């Protein structure tokens, strides 16, 4: 079963590259968690409406691949910030 979860991106969080980057931006929490794929890393981030354990979250996954998890995390944070700037709370509705 865990093979299928990994294959299809199951699970709510984690299981990525092991280099999760977390920061607060305009009262939202961004967690960058690049996904390993074929020796590279796919851009993935979670945007949480707040720091509360049950806060609504939105997942950002893009087709972009990077050679390092750190580079993928950096760009994931940048894309999450862009989404927050453009859509704000409508991300969660």
C-alpha atoms as a PDB file:
ATOM      1  CA  UNK A   1       0.000   0.000   0.000  1.00  0.00           C
ATOM      2  CA  UNK A   2       2.794   2.476   0.792  1.00  0.00           C
ATOM      3  CA  UNK A   3       4.211   1.818  -2.680  1.00  0.00           C
ATOM      4  CA  UNK A   4       0.952   3.084  -4.198  1.00  0.00           C
ATOM      5  CA  UNK A   5       0.908   6.113  -1.908  1.00  0.00           C
ATOM      6  CA  UNK A   6       4.419   7.044  -3.003  1.00  0.00           C
ATOM      7  CA  UNK A   7       3.632   6.368  -6.650  1.00  0.00           C
ATOM      8  CA  UNK A   8       0.498   8.497  -6.720  1.00  0.00           C
ATOM      9  CA  UNK A   9       1.545  11.172  -4.224  1.00  0.00           C
ATOM     10  CA  UNK A  10      -0.636   9.889  -1.389  1.00  0.00           C
ATOM     11  CA  UNK A  11      -0.436  11.200   2.108  1.00  0.00           C
ATOM     12  CA  UNK A  12      -1.201  14.668   3.272  1.00  0.00           C
ATOM     13  CA  UNK A  13       2.309  15.882   3.839  1.00  0.00           C
ATOM     14  CA  UNK A  14       5.901  14.809   4.055  1.00  0.00           C
ATOM     15  CA  UNK A  15       7.448  11.819   2.405  1.00  0.00           C
ATOM     16  CA  UNK A  16       9.277  14.150   0.077  1.00  0.00           C
ATOM     17  CA  UNK A  17      12.937  14.962  -0.129  1.00  0.00           C
ATOM     18  CA  UNK A  18      13.464  15.247   3.605  1.00  0.00           C
ATOM     19  CA  UNK A  19      14.401  18.902   3.197  1.00  0.00           C
ATOM     20  CA  UNK A  20      11.167  20.629   4.158  1.00  0.00           C
ATOM     21  CA  UNK A  21      11.484  24.398   4.310  1.00  0.00           C
ATOM     22  CA  UNK A  22       8.897  26.292   6.376  1.00  0.00           C
ATOM     23  CA  UNK A  23       8.289  30.028   6.576  1.00  0.00           C
ATOM     24  CA  UNK A  24       5.568  32.564   7.303  1.00  0.00           C
ATOM     25  CA  UNK A  25       4.533  35.002   4.589  1.00  0.00           C
ATOM     26  CA  UNK A  26       1.721  37.556   5.027  1.00  0.00           C
ATOM     27  CA  UNK A  27       0.176  35.556   7.901  1.00  0.00           C
ATOM     28  CA  UNK A  28       0.192  32.322   5.838  1.00  0.00           C
ATOM     29  CA  UNK A  29       2.519  29.388   6.439  1.00  0.00           C
ATOM     30  CA  UNK A  30       4.431  27.973   3.482  1.00  0.00           C
ATOM     31  CA  UNK A  31       5.959  24.509   3.667  1.00  0.00           C
ATOM     32  CA  UNK A  32       8.145  23.634   0.688  1.00  0.00           C
ATOM     33  CA  UNK A  33       8.515  19.861   0.360  1.00  0.00           C
ATOM     34  CA  UNK A  34      10.118  18.874  -2.980  1.00  0.00           C
ATOM     35  CA  UNK A  35       9.106  15.488  -4.377  1.00  0.00           C
ATOM     36  CA  UNK A  36      11.907  13.157  -5.529  1.00  0.00           C
ATOM     37  CA  UNK A  37      11.348  12.018  -9.099  1.00  0.00           C
ATOM     38  CA  UNK A  38      13.782  10.174 -11.337  1.00  0.00           C
ATOM     39  CA  UNK A  39      16.905  11.533  -9.664  1.00  0.00           C
ATOM     40  CA  UNK A  40      15.508  15.073  -9.669  1.00  0.00           C
ATOM     41  CA  UNK A  41      13.009  16.997  -7.530  1.00  0.00           C
ATOM     42  CA  UNK A  42       9.559  18.253  -8.485  1.00  0.00           C
ATOM     43  CA  UNK A  43       8.357  21.569  -7.081  1.00  0.00           C
ATOM     44  CA  UNK A  44       5.790  21.061  -4.290  1.00  0.00           C
ATOM     45  CA  UNK A  45       4.631  23.355  -1.492  1.00  0.00           C
ATOM     46  CA  UNK A  46       1.780  23.529   0.989  1.00  0.00           C
ATOM     47  CA  UNK A  47       0.131  26.848   1.829  1.00  0.00           C
ATOM     48  CA  UNK A  48      -1.595  26.854   5.219  1.00  0.00           C
ATOM     49  CA  UNK A  49      -4.066  29.544   6.159  1.00  0.00           C
ATOM     50  CA  UNK A  50      -2.556  29.753   9.651  1.00  0.00           C
ATOM     51  CA  UNK A  51      -0.215  27.937  12.014  1.00  0.00           C
ATOM     52  CA  UNK A  52      -3.131  26.091  13.694  1.00  0.00           C
ATOM     53  CA  UNK A  53      -2.967  22.277  13.479  1.00  0.00           C
ATOM     54  CA  UNK A  54      -6.335  22.092  11.688  1.00  0.00           C
ATOM     55  CA  UNK A  55      -5.758  25.074   9.366  1.00  0.00           C
ATOM     56  CA  UNK A  56      -7.001  24.795   5.785  1.00  0.00           C
ATOM     57  CA  UNK A  57      -4.237  23.990   3.321  1.00  0.00           C
ATOM     58  CA  UNK A  58      -3.667  24.197  -0.382  1.00  0.00           C
ATOM     59  CA  UNK A  59      -1.099  22.135  -2.264  1.00  0.00           C
ATOM     60  CA  UNK A  60       1.021  23.621  -5.041  1.00  0.00           C
ATOM     61  CA  UNK A  61       2.610  21.115  -7.431  1.00  0.00           C
ATOM     62  CA  UNK A  62       4.232  22.135 -10.683  1.00  0.00           C
ATOM     63  CA  UNK A  63       5.838  20.254 -13.529  1.00  0.00           C
ATOM     64  CA  UNK A  64       9.169  21.985 -12.900  1.00  0.00           C
ATOM     65  CA  UNK A  65      12.051  19.617 -12.078  1.00  0.00           C
ATOM     66  CA  UNK A  66      15.284  20.643 -10.344  1.00  0.00           C
ATOM     67  CA  UNK A  67      18.589  18.896  -9.769  1.00  0.00           C
ATOM     68  CA  UNK A  68      18.621  19.628  -6.025  1.00  0.00           C
ATOM     69  CA  UNK A  69      15.987  19.572  -3.304  1.00  0.00           C
ATOM     70  CA  UNK A  70      17.185  22.942  -2.024  1.00  0.00           C
ATOM     71  CA  UNK A  71      16.690  24.572  -5.414  1.00  0.00           C
ATOM     72  CA  UNK A  72      13.223  23.014  -5.759  1.00  0.00           C
ATOM     73  CA  UNK A  73      12.312  24.256  -2.254  1.00  0.00           C
ATOM     74  CA  UNK A  74      13.499  27.774  -3.066  1.00  0.00           C
ATOM     75  CA  UNK A  75      11.330  27.946  -6.180  1.00  0.00           C
ATOM     76  CA  UNK A  76       8.391  26.306  -4.367  1.00  0.00           C
ATOM     77  CA  UNK A  77       8.424  29.092  -1.771  1.00  0.00           C
ATOM     78  CA  UNK A  78       8.609  31.678  -4.559  1.00  0.00           C
ATOM     79  CA  UNK A  79       5.576  30.141  -6.334  1.00  0.00           C
ATOM     80  CA  UNK A  80       3.623  29.871  -3.074  1.00  0.00           C
ATOM     81  CA  UNK A  81       4.286  33.550  -2.340  1.00  0.00           C
ATOM     82  CA  UNK A  82       3.081  34.420  -5.834  1.00  0.00           C
ATOM     83  CA  UNK A  83      -0.129  32.444  -5.256  1.00  0.00           C
ATOM     84  CA  UNK A  84      -0.706  34.207  -1.945  1.00  0.00           C
ATOM     85  CA  UNK A  85      -0.113  37.619  -3.534  1.00  0.00           C
ATOM     86  CA  UNK A  86      -2.487  36.895  -6.416  1.00  0.00           C
ATOM     87  CA  UNK A  87      -5.270  35.003  -4.637  1.00  0.00           C
ATOM     88  CA  UNK A  88      -4.999  35.440  -0.856  1.00  0.00           C
ATOM     89  CA  UNK A  89      -7.815  33.720   1.067  1.00  0.00           C
ATOM     90  CA  UNK A  90      -9.550  32.663  -2.151  1.00  0.00           C
ATOM     91  CA  UNK A  91      -6.919  29.913  -2.334  1.00  0.00           C
ATOM     92  CA  UNK A  92      -8.946  28.078   0.295  1.00  0.00           C
ATOM     93  CA  UNK A  93     -12.438  28.544  -1.070  1.00  0.00           C
END
